[in-house]
Every structure is written in structure tokens, then in C-alpha cells.
């Protein structure tokens, strides 16, 4: 592999299965933003994040921006990640694509998100560099198979 892949990780819907009716087994809840519903997190995800960070250049691709490092990662005891800069929240999910494209450049890219928009799908299909989109159900959150899928994709580059 000549260029390390960029691995992009969303937070809400991926690490925080906000659409689940109740807090899933293995998850805990913590209020990160006063006056909002608690965020859900799974301590086991710390190891998964570290695995991805060892396999490529792992970036946050979340509307949380720097808050992902400041408020969420400390719950898992994981070192901060670089952050893709999106427009100020709230923004349309389609607007993630230009920022992700700037970060990915011509490198292989895997993007784990719960809302791959039509624009994101077109972007991935048109890229000359290898690109993997991993779609996550926001009622379930990411799974070990999602992580393994990315790790296998990286190994095959």
C-alpha cells in the first residue's frame, strides 16, 4: 500500500445508536450536552477505534467537530483524532461530502456513517482511489463486522 488510507468515522448513529428505542446491551449513557438526551457509548468500542487508528489514518467525520474529542472520546479513554471540518451544525448531511473529499484527496478512503447520502454515494463511485462506504443502522450502531469489513478492506489495498 503506497498511501495510508483515510478512515472516516461518524459518531451519532455509529458510536451512539441514538435511534434505538432503549439503551442497547453493552452501552452506557452519558449527558454530553446539557438539556439534550444522553449519548450512548460502548466501552468495547475503544479497542475498535484503536484498531482502526493502527490500520490507517483515522479521522472524525461528525457534526460534533472538536466535541467528539473533548466530550466523547474521554468516555472511552481514547486519544484524540483529527477532525474533518464541516459547516456549523445544523447542516444538511450532503454537505459532509466536500469536506470529506478534501481530507481524502487521492488516498484510499473508508467512511463509516449512518447516513450516506446520494451525493456521498456518487462521490464514492466516481473516485479513482479505492473507496469503501460502510453504512450503519443508527438503531443498532456499528458492529464488530463493520470494523472487520474495514480492516479487511485495508489489508487488501
Foldseek 3Di string as FASTA:
>chain_A
DPAFEEEEEEPQLAQFLPPAPDQDPQWDWDCQDPPDGTTIGHLVCQVLVVVVVVLGQYEYLYLCFCCCQVRPVVVNVHHDHHYQDFPHPPDDPLRSVVSVCVVRPLEEYEYEEQACDPSNVVVQVPRPYHYHYHHGGSNVHHDPVSSVVVSVVSVVD
